[in-house]
């Protein structure tokens, strides 16, 4: 791995500039999704004003609140350079060519060396330190639409997680990888850079299920994972949840904000999390990215400035922290079609015994209470589920829609809560585990039962639903949640 040195950059970012963000939203996308700037005179933003803004940002003519950050500039110029390798329809428009011809001389005089390199890679760039050299070496490939090996990706990601690389180069590398569409080896490299397979620790429980959800949270639908974990604990199935308190771009409700609203301690180490999972009265745990990878957590602001989610926004869902004695399971949510296959492959290669990837609400593994249109060969519906079970070390794959109506849930639409907040969700979840019937109760019931059915823990959906309903109605699931809050605070006191 790279030798991280003492030279560091200040992590504070000016801006971001809203107009440049809008330009990034258009050009920092894939080979077929990019929308060139200035195709029509009425289009916004136009390329000339964007380059003028970048120039004024570089010369310090704009106040910090309005300036484009170095991370923004790195992402923008990397995208513009990379588009030379895109199909003709997503390459530079005549207006973009004219704008660069007009401003190139001024930009060449005013841009910092690393940003100038991103605009014109043929000029080259001398890295400021050995760690930055790792990223520059990777950019030599990325900016030419080439892919990295597993080792190159893992080393580059570790370098980006350090403070020894300029924000411009970080933004360029991450956007370039997204635009190039990561290969499986690159996806795997990002996953292992955060928490490698060699760090997975044994835990003294017979089975354990890792739940991977988008870290940026829920802004539309109730997020049931925490309550599902409490129900499963009452059923004797241990779960591990992982997320953050808040994450752009959505900054929605996460498991951590729910736990905090319930009064739990959310600043626990991996060892303390393991003790909650093995504690007989609790049976599930939560770990924050702030605890298992502080460097990754500290790059939250960078996500805002590069406009797009970094490549690890998908792979972090597949993190594994512990390994149970007998069986290990994984449940993964996703939104963009195509990510489910590498996520499941990652789980398979880690030795997971069964895994399911669900195209759930808001990109989670959460089942909607109404299927809508069934999936087709060309379109995956919300509730589409695919995964594998390991049988005698042979992979048996499955794929299906989960139709709530087939299991007795008759909803005209999948309801949304009136108030979206951690406090409101916590109150709704506790009421459901107290026996209050309604859509929140049904959402927890459906999600718990279908996950245990697909993982092979319950042979039939009806059995899974019956046993889930029993522990919810008896109050045993609520007791597990209350025990988590109490025991987690005792750990804090210790």
Protein backbone atom coordinates (compact mmCIF):
# COMPACT_ATOMS: atom_id res chain seq x y z
CA UNK A 1 0.00 0.00 0.00
CA UNK A 2 0.98 3.63 -0.39
CA UNK A 3 3.24 5.22 2.19
CA UNK A 4 1.13 8.09 3.52
CA UNK A 5 3.37 11.02 4.39
CA UNK A 6 3.00 13.99 6.65
CA UNK A 7 2.11 16.60 4.03
CA UNK A 8 -1.64 17.26 4.25
CA UNK A 9 -4.19 19.55 2.65
CA UNK A 10 -6.76 21.60 4.55
CA UNK A 11 -10.07 19.70 4.17
CA UNK A 12 -12.23 22.86 4.11
CA UNK A 13 -13.94 23.61 0.81
CA UNK A 14 -15.21 26.98 -0.42
CA UNK A 15 -18.58 27.11 -2.15
CA UNK A 16 -19.76 25.02 -3.85
CA UNK A 17 -20.84 27.20 -6.74
CA UNK A 18 -24.42 26.30 -7.68
CA UNK A 19 -24.06 26.98 -11.43
CA UNK A 20 -20.94 24.84 -11.65
CA UNK A 21 -22.77 22.07 -9.77
CA UNK A 22 -25.49 22.23 -12.41
CA UNK A 23 -22.85 21.93 -15.13
CA UNK A 24 -21.33 18.96 -13.31
CA UNK A 25 -24.76 17.31 -13.15
CA UNK A 26 -24.85 17.46 -16.94
CA UNK A 27 -21.31 16.52 -17.92
CA UNK A 28 -20.04 14.31 -15.07
CA UNK A 29 -22.08 11.30 -16.13
CA UNK A 30 -21.70 8.21 -18.25
CA UNK A 31 -20.89 7.80 -21.95
CA UNK A 32 -24.56 7.81 -22.93
CA UNK A 33 -26.04 10.02 -20.18
CA UNK A 34 -23.81 13.10 -20.53
CA UNK A 35 -25.60 16.21 -21.80
CA UNK A 36 -23.20 18.63 -23.55
CA UNK A 37 -23.43 22.26 -22.49
CA UNK A 38 -24.74 24.93 -24.83
CA UNK A 39 -26.38 22.70 -27.42
CA UNK A 40 -29.16 25.28 -27.60
CA UNK A 41 -28.81 29.01 -26.85
CA UNK A 42 -31.61 28.64 -24.28
CA UNK A 43 -29.85 25.83 -22.37
CA UNK A 44 -28.64 26.44 -18.83
CA UNK A 45 -25.87 26.60 -17.94
CA UNK A 46 -23.93 27.82 -20.93
CA UNK A 47 -20.23 26.88 -21.12
CA UNK A 48 -18.81 30.44 -21.33
CA UNK A 49 -20.27 31.63 -17.98
CA UNK A 50 -19.11 28.38 -16.35
CA UNK A 51 -15.52 28.88 -17.50
CA UNK A 52 -15.72 32.53 -16.43
CA UNK A 53 -16.84 31.38 -12.95
CA UNK A 54 -14.02 28.86 -12.75
CA UNK A 55 -11.50 31.48 -13.80
CA UNK A 56 -12.76 33.98 -11.20
CA UNK A 57 -12.68 31.23 -8.57
CA UNK A 58 -9.07 30.46 -9.41
CA UNK A 59 -8.05 34.12 -9.18
CA UNK A 60 -9.94 34.75 -5.94
CA UNK A 61 -12.35 37.26 -7.47
CA UNK A 62 -15.40 35.52 -6.00
CA UNK A 63 -16.28 35.38 -2.29
CA UNK A 64 -15.70 31.98 -0.72
CA UNK A 65 -19.45 31.30 -0.50
CA UNK A 66 -19.82 31.69 -4.29
CA UNK A 67 -16.51 30.28 -5.49
CA UNK A 68 -16.13 26.92 -7.20
CA UNK A 69 -13.95 24.69 -5.03
CA UNK A 70 -10.87 22.88 -6.22
CA UNK A 71 -12.84 19.64 -5.91
CA UNK A 72 -15.51 21.03 -8.24
CA UNK A 73 -12.92 22.17 -10.74
CA UNK A 74 -11.15 18.83 -10.59
CA UNK A 75 -14.37 16.95 -11.27
CA UNK A 76 -15.44 19.30 -14.06
CA UNK A 77 -12.15 19.37 -15.97
CA UNK A 78 -11.65 15.61 -15.58
CA UNK A 79 -15.11 15.06 -17.04
CA UNK A 80 -14.45 17.39 -19.95
CA UNK A 81 -11.15 15.61 -20.70
CA UNK A 82 -12.68 12.16 -20.44
CA UNK A 83 -15.50 13.03 -22.83
CA UNK A 84 -13.01 12.95 -25.71
CA UNK A 85 -13.34 9.14 -25.44
CA UNK A 86 -17.16 9.17 -25.36
CA UNK A 87 -19.53 8.53 -28.28
CA UNK A 88 -19.88 11.46 -30.68
CA UNK A 89 -23.23 12.62 -29.29
CA UNK A 90 -21.80 13.11 -25.78
CA UNK A 91 -18.48 14.67 -26.78
CA UNK A 92 -17.97 18.44 -26.72
CA UNK A 93 -20.62 20.64 -28.30
CA UNK A 94 -19.60 23.49 -30.65
CA UNK A 95 -20.40 25.94 -27.82
CA UNK A 96 -18.05 24.09 -25.45
CA UNK A 97 -15.27 24.09 -28.03
CA UNK A 98 -15.72 27.81 -28.62
CA UNK A 99 -15.75 28.58 -24.89
CA UNK A 100 -12.54 26.68 -24.25
CA UNK A 101 -10.85 28.35 -27.20
CA UNK A 102 -11.79 31.75 -25.74
CA UNK A 103 -10.70 31.05 -22.16
CA UNK A 104 -7.88 28.52 -22.55
CA UNK A 105 -5.08 31.07 -22.39
CA UNK A 106 -6.44 32.72 -19.24
CA UNK A 107 -7.12 29.36 -17.59
CA UNK A 108 -3.60 28.19 -18.42
CA UNK A 109 -2.19 31.22 -16.62
CA UNK A 110 -4.41 31.02 -13.54
CA UNK A 111 -5.22 27.38 -12.78
CA UNK A 112 -3.15 25.53 -10.21
CA UNK A 113 -0.77 22.91 -11.67
CA UNK A 114 -2.92 19.92 -10.74
CA UNK A 115 -6.12 21.41 -12.20
CA UNK A 116 -4.28 22.48 -15.34
CA UNK A 117 -3.08 18.88 -15.64
CA UNK A 118 -6.68 17.66 -15.48
CA UNK A 119 -7.65 20.08 -18.24
CA UNK A 120 -4.65 19.11 -20.39
CA UNK A 121 -3.12 15.81 -19.19
CA UNK A 122 -0.40 15.96 -21.85
CA UNK A 123 1.23 18.75 -19.82
CA UNK A 124 1.93 16.27 -17.03
CA UNK A 125 2.04 16.96 -13.32
CA UNK A 126 4.69 16.40 -10.67
CA UNK A 127 2.95 14.98 -7.57
CA UNK A 128 3.52 16.84 -4.30
CA UNK A 129 4.27 13.63 -2.39
CA UNK A 130 4.34 9.83 -2.80
CA UNK A 131 0.70 9.44 -1.77
CA UNK A 132 -0.46 11.94 -4.37
CA UNK A 133 1.64 10.06 -6.92
CA UNK A 134 -0.59 7.01 -6.39
CA UNK A 135 -3.64 9.01 -7.47
CA UNK A 136 -1.85 10.70 -10.38
CA UNK A 137 -0.66 7.32 -11.68
CA UNK A 138 -4.26 6.11 -11.54
CA UNK A 139 -5.48 9.25 -13.33
CA UNK A 140 -3.09 8.55 -16.19
CA UNK A 141 -5.38 5.61 -16.96
CA UNK A 142 -8.71 7.03 -15.81
CA UNK A 143 -8.46 10.18 -17.96
CA UNK A 144 -7.91 7.97 -21.02
CA UNK A 145 -11.00 5.87 -20.24
CA UNK A 146 -8.86 2.95 -19.06
CA UNK A 147 -9.58 0.78 -16.04
CA UNK A 148 -7.54 0.01 -12.94
CA UNK A 149 -6.59 -3.31 -11.45
CA UNK A 150 -7.87 -4.38 -8.04
CA UNK A 151 -4.59 -3.41 -6.38
CA UNK A 152 -4.41 -0.04 -8.16
CA UNK A 153 -7.97 0.77 -7.13
CA UNK A 154 -7.45 -0.23 -3.51
CA UNK A 155 -4.24 1.80 -3.25
CA UNK A 156 -5.84 4.81 -4.96
CA UNK A 157 -8.83 4.71 -2.63
CA UNK A 158 -6.59 4.52 0.43
CA UNK A 159 -4.66 7.52 -0.89
CA UNK A 160 -7.90 9.46 -1.43
CA UNK A 161 -8.90 8.68 2.16
CA UNK A 162 -5.72 10.40 3.35
CA UNK A 163 -5.11 14.15 3.74
CA UNK A 164 -2.06 14.04 1.48
CA UNK A 165 -3.90 14.43 -1.85
CA UNK A 166 -5.34 17.65 -3.22
CA UNK A 167 -9.16 17.93 -3.39
CA UNK A 168 -8.94 18.52 -7.16
CA UNK A 169 -7.21 15.20 -7.76
CA UNK A 170 -9.60 13.40 -5.41
CA UNK A 171 -12.63 14.79 -7.24
CA UNK A 172 -11.15 13.99 -10.64
CA UNK A 173 -10.34 10.38 -9.79
CA UNK A 174 -13.73 9.64 -8.26
CA UNK A 175 -15.75 11.26 -11.04
CA UNK A 176 -13.58 9.64 -13.70
CA UNK A 177 -14.17 6.22 -12.19
CA UNK A 178 -17.93 6.78 -12.12
CA UNK A 179 -17.97 8.00 -15.71
CA UNK A 180 -15.91 5.01 -16.87
CA UNK A 181 -18.34 2.58 -15.19
CA UNK A 182 -16.34 0.60 -12.63
CA UNK A 183 -15.29 -2.93 -13.43
CA UNK A 184 -15.75 -5.70 -10.89
CA UNK A 185 -12.10 -5.50 -9.85
CA UNK A 186 -12.51 -1.77 -9.23
CA UNK A 187 -15.71 -2.30 -7.23
CA UNK A 188 -13.93 -4.89 -5.12
CA UNK A 189 -10.95 -2.58 -4.62
CA UNK A 190 -13.17 0.17 -3.19
CA UNK A 191 -14.89 -2.25 -0.81
CA UNK A 192 -11.64 -3.68 0.55
CA UNK A 193 -9.95 -0.27 0.89
CA UNK A 194 -12.43 0.68 3.61
CA UNK A 195 -12.50 -2.59 5.54
CA UNK A 196 -10.70 -5.51 3.99
CA UNK A 197 -11.57 -9.20 4.31
CA UNK A 198 -8.50 -9.69 6.50
CA UNK A 199 -10.12 -7.44 9.14
CA UNK A 200 -13.34 -9.49 9.46
CA UNK A 201 -13.57 -10.81 13.01
CA UNK A 202 -15.23 -14.01 14.28
CA UNK A 203 -18.22 -13.48 16.54
CA UNK A 204 -19.78 -15.98 18.92
CA UNK A 205 -23.27 -16.32 17.43
CA UNK A 206 -24.54 -19.17 15.24
CA UNK A 207 -25.80 -16.90 12.41
CA UNK A 208 -25.41 -13.26 11.45
CA UNK A 209 -27.04 -11.12 8.76
CA UNK A 210 -25.37 -7.92 7.53
CA UNK A 211 -27.88 -5.34 6.23
CA UNK A 212 -26.48 -2.83 3.70
CA UNK A 213 -28.57 0.28 2.96
CA UNK A 214 -27.74 3.59 1.23
CA UNK A 215 -25.91 5.75 3.74
CA UNK A 216 -27.69 8.94 2.68
CA UNK A 217 -30.92 7.82 4.32
CA UNK A 218 -34.65 8.00 3.66
CA UNK A 219 -36.56 11.14 2.70
CA UNK A 220 -39.85 9.64 1.47
CA UNK A 221 -40.59 6.25 3.01
CA UNK A 222 -40.41 4.80 6.51
CA UNK A 223 -37.06 3.10 7.10
CA UNK A 224 -37.79 -0.23 8.83
CA UNK A 225 -34.34 -1.89 9.05
CA UNK A 226 -33.73 -1.09 12.73
CA UNK A 227 -37.10 -2.52 13.70
CA UNK A 228 -36.60 -5.53 11.44
CA UNK A 229 -33.36 -6.20 13.33
CA UNK A 230 -35.20 -6.11 16.66
CA UNK A 231 -37.83 -8.54 15.37
CA UNK A 232 -35.21 -10.90 13.98
CA UNK A 233 -33.32 -10.79 17.29
CA UNK A 234 -36.49 -11.97 19.04
CA UNK A 235 -36.61 -14.80 16.50
CA UNK A 236 -33.03 -15.81 17.31
CA UNK A 237 -31.52 -14.31 14.13
CA UNK A 238 -28.71 -11.81 14.82
CA UNK A 239 -28.30 -8.77 12.58
CA UNK A 240 -25.68 -6.10 12.01
CA UNK A 241 -26.60 -2.67 10.64
CA UNK A 242 -24.14 -0.03 9.43
CA UNK A 243 -24.59 3.56 8.23
CA UNK A 244 -23.85 7.14 9.35
CA UNK A 245 -25.68 9.93 11.14
CA UNK A 246 -26.13 12.05 8.01
CA UNK A 247 -24.80 11.86 4.48
CA UNK A 248 -25.30 14.04 1.39
CA UNK A 249 -26.89 14.38 -1.03
CA UNK A 250 -30.15 13.34 0.67
CA UNK A 251 -29.20 13.77 4.34
CA UNK A 252 -32.17 11.54 5.15
CA UNK A 253 -33.20 9.42 8.12
CA UNK A 254 -30.68 6.66 8.87
CA UNK A 255 -30.45 3.85 11.40
CA UNK A 256 -28.09 6.00 13.43
CA UNK A 257 -30.48 8.95 13.65
CA UNK A 258 -33.28 6.53 14.61
CA UNK A 259 -31.17 5.03 17.39
CA UNK A 260 -30.25 8.49 18.61
CA UNK A 261 -33.93 9.51 18.64
CA UNK A 262 -34.65 6.44 20.77
CA UNK A 263 -31.95 7.47 23.23
CA UNK A 264 -29.35 4.84 22.32
CA UNK A 265 -25.60 5.32 22.35
CA UNK A 266 -24.44 5.58 18.72
CA UNK A 267 -20.72 6.00 19.39
CA UNK A 268 -19.73 2.39 19.84
CA UNK A 269 -16.59 0.62 18.71
CA UNK A 270 -16.64 -2.62 16.74
CA UNK A 271 -15.87 -4.53 19.95
CA UNK A 272 -18.81 -2.89 21.74
CA UNK A 273 -21.06 -3.56 18.75
CA UNK A 274 -20.05 -7.24 18.89
CA UNK A 275 -20.96 -7.35 22.57
CA UNK A 276 -24.47 -6.11 21.77
CA UNK A 277 -24.92 -8.80 19.13
CA UNK A 278 -23.81 -11.54 21.51
CA UNK A 279 -25.75 -10.10 24.47
CA UNK A 280 -28.67 -12.50 25.04
CA UNK A 281 -31.19 -9.74 25.75
CA UNK A 282 -30.28 -7.73 22.62
CA UNK A 283 -29.10 -9.82 19.65
CA UNK A 284 -28.32 -7.14 17.08
CA UNK A 285 -25.86 -4.29 16.60
CA UNK A 286 -25.11 -1.08 14.74
CA UNK A 287 -21.73 0.34 13.69
CA UNK A 288 -21.18 3.84 12.28
CA UNK A 289 -18.78 4.53 9.44
CA UNK A 290 -17.45 7.22 11.73
CA UNK A 291 -16.11 4.38 13.92
CA UNK A 292 -14.98 1.79 11.36
CA UNK A 293 -13.52 4.21 8.77
CA UNK A 294 -13.21 7.76 10.04
CA UNK A 295 -11.34 8.84 6.92
CA UNK A 296 -14.24 7.80 4.68
CA UNK A 297 -16.73 9.52 6.98
CA UNK A 298 -14.71 12.73 6.83
CA UNK A 299 -15.08 12.85 3.04
CA UNK A 300 -18.82 13.52 3.28
CA UNK A 301 -18.37 17.14 2.17
CA UNK A 302 -16.45 16.00 -0.91
CA UNK A 303 -19.61 14.21 -2.07
CA UNK A 304 -21.38 17.58 -2.26
CA UNK A 305 -18.64 19.17 -4.36
CA UNK A 306 -18.24 16.39 -6.91
CA UNK A 307 -22.05 16.36 -7.34
CA UNK A 308 -22.26 12.62 -7.99
CA UNK A 309 -22.01 9.82 -5.48
CA UNK A 310 -18.47 8.40 -5.30
CA UNK A 311 -17.94 4.80 -6.47
CA UNK A 312 -17.89 3.52 -2.89
CA UNK A 313 -21.47 4.72 -2.30
CA UNK A 314 -22.56 1.37 -3.75
CA UNK A 315 -19.83 -0.88 -2.41
CA UNK A 316 -20.02 0.32 1.20
CA UNK A 317 -23.35 -1.50 1.44
CA UNK A 318 -21.49 -4.81 1.09
CA UNK A 319 -19.12 -4.28 4.03
CA UNK A 320 -18.68 -7.30 6.27
CA UNK A 321 -17.36 -6.81 9.79
CA UNK A 322 -17.99 -10.09 11.62
CA UNK A 323 -18.26 -13.78 10.79
CA UNK A 324 -20.67 -16.06 12.68
CA UNK A 325 -19.92 -19.64 13.68
CA UNK A 326 -22.34 -21.41 11.33
CA UNK A 327 -24.04 -19.23 8.72
CA UNK A 328 -23.50 -15.71 7.39
CA UNK A 329 -26.09 -13.79 5.39
CA UNK A 330 -26.23 -10.44 3.62
CA UNK A 331 -29.14 -8.23 2.53
CA UNK A 332 -28.35 -5.42 0.05
CA UNK A 333 -30.43 -2.57 -1.30
CA UNK A 334 -29.78 -0.95 -4.68
CA UNK A 335 -31.33 1.47 -7.15
CA UNK A 336 -29.24 1.53 -10.32
CA UNK A 337 -29.63 -1.64 -12.38
CA UNK A 338 -26.28 -3.38 -12.83
CA UNK A 339 -24.89 -2.90 -9.33
CA UNK A 340 -26.77 -5.88 -7.93
CA UNK A 341 -24.59 -8.39 -9.76
CA UNK A 342 -21.20 -7.20 -8.45
CA UNK A 343 -22.68 -6.72 -4.97
CA UNK A 344 -23.85 -10.34 -4.91
CA UNK A 345 -20.52 -11.51 -6.30
CA UNK A 346 -18.72 -9.64 -3.53
CA UNK A 347 -20.88 -11.44 -0.98
CA UNK A 348 -20.22 -14.80 -2.63
CA UNK A 349 -16.45 -14.30 -2.68
CA UNK A 350 -16.49 -13.28 0.98
CA UNK A 351 -17.99 -16.69 1.76
CA UNK A 352 -21.50 -15.49 2.57
CA UNK A 353 -23.91 -18.45 2.76
CA UNK A 354 -26.94 -16.65 1.32
CA UNK A 355 -27.50 -13.13 0.05
CA UNK A 356 -30.34 -11.17 -1.48
CA UNK A 357 -30.16 -7.89 -3.42
CA UNK A 358 -33.44 -6.00 -3.43
CA UNK A 359 -34.48 -3.11 -5.64
CA UNK A 360 -36.37 -1.50 -2.82
CA UNK A 361 -37.85 1.88 -2.03
CA UNK A 362 -35.32 4.73 -2.30
CA UNK A 363 -32.60 2.29 -3.32
CA UNK A 364 -32.88 0.31 -0.09
CA UNK A 365 -33.69 -3.34 0.58
CA UNK A 366 -37.12 -2.25 1.86
CA UNK A 367 -40.14 -3.80 0.22
CA UNK A 368 -42.97 -1.53 -0.85
CA UNK A 369 -46.45 -2.54 0.25
CA UNK A 370 -47.60 -2.60 -3.37
CA UNK A 371 -45.79 -4.15 -6.32
CA UNK A 372 -47.18 -2.00 -9.12
CA UNK A 373 -46.13 -3.34 -12.51
CA UNK A 374 -44.24 -6.65 -12.39
CA UNK A 375 -40.66 -6.83 -13.59
CA UNK A 376 -39.87 -7.61 -17.20
CA UNK A 377 -36.70 -8.59 -19.02
CA UNK A 378 -35.99 -4.90 -19.66
CA UNK A 379 -37.35 -3.33 -16.47
CA UNK A 380 -36.81 -4.27 -12.85
CA UNK A 381 -39.67 -3.20 -10.60
CA UNK A 382 -39.41 -2.06 -7.01
CA UNK A 383 -39.52 -5.31 -4.92
CA UNK A 384 -37.48 -7.22 -7.50
CA UNK A 385 -35.25 -9.59 -5.55
CA UNK A 386 -32.35 -11.71 -6.66
CA UNK A 387 -29.71 -13.57 -4.78
CA UNK A 388 -28.06 -16.87 -4.06
CA UNK A 389 -27.84 -19.67 -1.54
CA UNK A 390 -24.67 -21.66 -1.01
CA UNK A 391 -25.45 -25.38 -1.12
CA UNK A 392 -22.43 -27.70 -0.70
CA UNK A 393 -20.28 -24.78 -1.89
CA UNK A 394 -22.36 -24.58 -5.07
CA UNK A 395 -24.10 -21.31 -5.89
CA UNK A 396 -27.85 -21.58 -6.45
CA UNK A 397 -29.25 -18.31 -7.81
CA UNK A 398 -32.83 -17.07 -7.65
CA UNK A 399 -34.77 -14.03 -8.86
CA UNK A 400 -38.37 -12.96 -8.32
CA UNK A 401 -40.72 -10.11 -7.57
CA UNK A 402 -42.14 -9.97 -4.06
CA UNK A 403 -45.83 -9.13 -4.46
CA UNK A 404 -47.29 -8.06 -1.10
CA UNK A 405 -50.81 -8.78 -2.33
CA UNK A 406 -49.93 -12.47 -2.68
CA UNK A 407 -49.19 -12.50 1.06
CA UNK A 408 -52.30 -10.67 2.23
CA UNK A 409 -51.15 -7.04 2.05
CA UNK A 410 -53.76 -5.20 0.00
CA UNK A 411 -52.66 -1.62 -0.59
CA UNK A 412 -53.70 0.65 -3.44
CA UNK A 413 -50.33 2.39 -3.14
CA UNK A 414 -47.31 2.16 -0.88
CA UNK A 415 -48.09 4.76 1.80
CA UNK A 416 -45.69 7.46 2.90
CA UNK A 417 -45.53 8.81 6.45
CA UNK A 418 -46.94 12.29 7.03
CA UNK A 419 -43.77 13.43 8.78
CA UNK A 420 -40.27 12.38 7.69
CA UNK A 421 -37.91 12.67 10.63
CA UNK A 422 -35.96 10.36 12.90
CA UNK A 423 -38.21 11.25 15.82
CA UNK A 424 -41.40 10.56 13.87
CA UNK A 425 -40.04 7.28 12.47
CA UNK A 426 -38.91 6.16 15.93
CA UNK A 427 -42.37 6.80 17.35
CA UNK A 428 -44.04 4.93 14.49
CA UNK A 429 -41.69 1.96 14.78
CA UNK A 430 -42.15 1.63 18.55
CA UNK A 431 -45.94 1.82 18.13
CA UNK A 432 -45.81 -0.98 15.55
CA UNK A 433 -43.67 -3.19 17.82
CA UNK A 434 -46.21 -2.42 20.58
CA UNK A 435 -48.88 -4.06 18.43
CA UNK A 436 -50.41 -1.05 16.68
CA UNK A 437 -51.67 -2.29 13.31
CA UNK A 438 -51.34 -0.29 10.11
CA UNK A 439 -48.89 0.32 7.25
CA UNK A 440 -45.80 0.62 9.52
CA UNK A 441 -46.63 -2.67 11.23
CA UNK A 442 -47.21 -4.28 7.83
CA UNK A 443 -43.96 -2.86 6.43
CA UNK A 444 -41.90 -4.31 9.29
CA UNK A 445 -43.76 -7.61 9.08
CA UNK A 446 -43.36 -7.96 5.30
CA UNK A 447 -39.69 -6.99 5.28
CA UNK A 448 -38.72 -9.31 8.12
CA UNK A 449 -40.62 -12.31 6.80
CA UNK A 450 -39.59 -12.02 3.14
CA UNK A 451 -35.91 -11.57 3.99
CA UNK A 452 -35.90 -14.69 6.17
CA UNK A 453 -37.74 -16.61 3.47
CA UNK A 454 -35.38 -15.60 0.66
CA UNK A 455 -32.28 -16.30 2.74
CA UNK A 456 -33.58 -19.82 3.31
CA UNK A 457 -34.07 -19.39 7.05
CA UNK A 458 -37.81 -20.12 6.68
CA UNK A 459 -38.87 -22.62 3.99
CA UNK A 460 -42.22 -20.95 3.25
CA UNK A 461 -43.44 -17.34 3.25
CA UNK A 462 -46.52 -18.23 5.32
CA UNK A 463 -44.36 -19.66 8.09
CA UNK A 464 -42.08 -16.62 8.01
CA UNK A 465 -45.05 -14.27 8.28
CA UNK A 466 -46.65 -16.25 11.12
CA UNK A 467 -43.57 -16.35 13.32
CA UNK A 468 -42.77 -12.69 12.64
CA UNK A 469 -46.29 -11.63 13.56
CA UNK A 470 -46.08 -13.66 16.77
CA UNK A 471 -42.98 -11.91 18.14
CA UNK A 472 -44.29 -8.49 17.13
CA UNK A 473 -47.64 -9.03 18.85
CA UNK A 474 -46.10 -10.56 21.97
CA UNK A 475 -43.89 -7.55 22.68
CA UNK A 476 -40.72 -9.64 22.48
CA UNK A 477 -39.36 -7.58 19.56
CA UNK A 478 -40.00 -4.32 21.43
CA UNK A 479 -38.16 -5.75 24.43
CA UNK A 480 -35.09 -6.34 22.24
CA UNK A 481 -35.16 -2.75 21.01
CA UNK A 482 -35.50 -1.40 24.54
CA UNK A 483 -32.66 -3.65 25.68
CA UNK A 484 -30.43 -2.26 22.91
CA UNK A 485 -31.00 1.28 24.15
CA UNK A 486 -30.31 0.35 27.76
CA UNK A 487 -27.26 -1.84 27.17
CA UNK A 488 -25.68 0.56 24.67
CA UNK A 489 -25.79 3.31 27.28
CA UNK A 490 -24.24 1.01 29.86
CA UNK A 491 -21.38 0.49 27.43
CA UNK A 492 -21.01 4.24 27.20
CA UNK A 493 -20.77 4.43 30.98
CA UNK A 494 -18.11 1.72 30.98
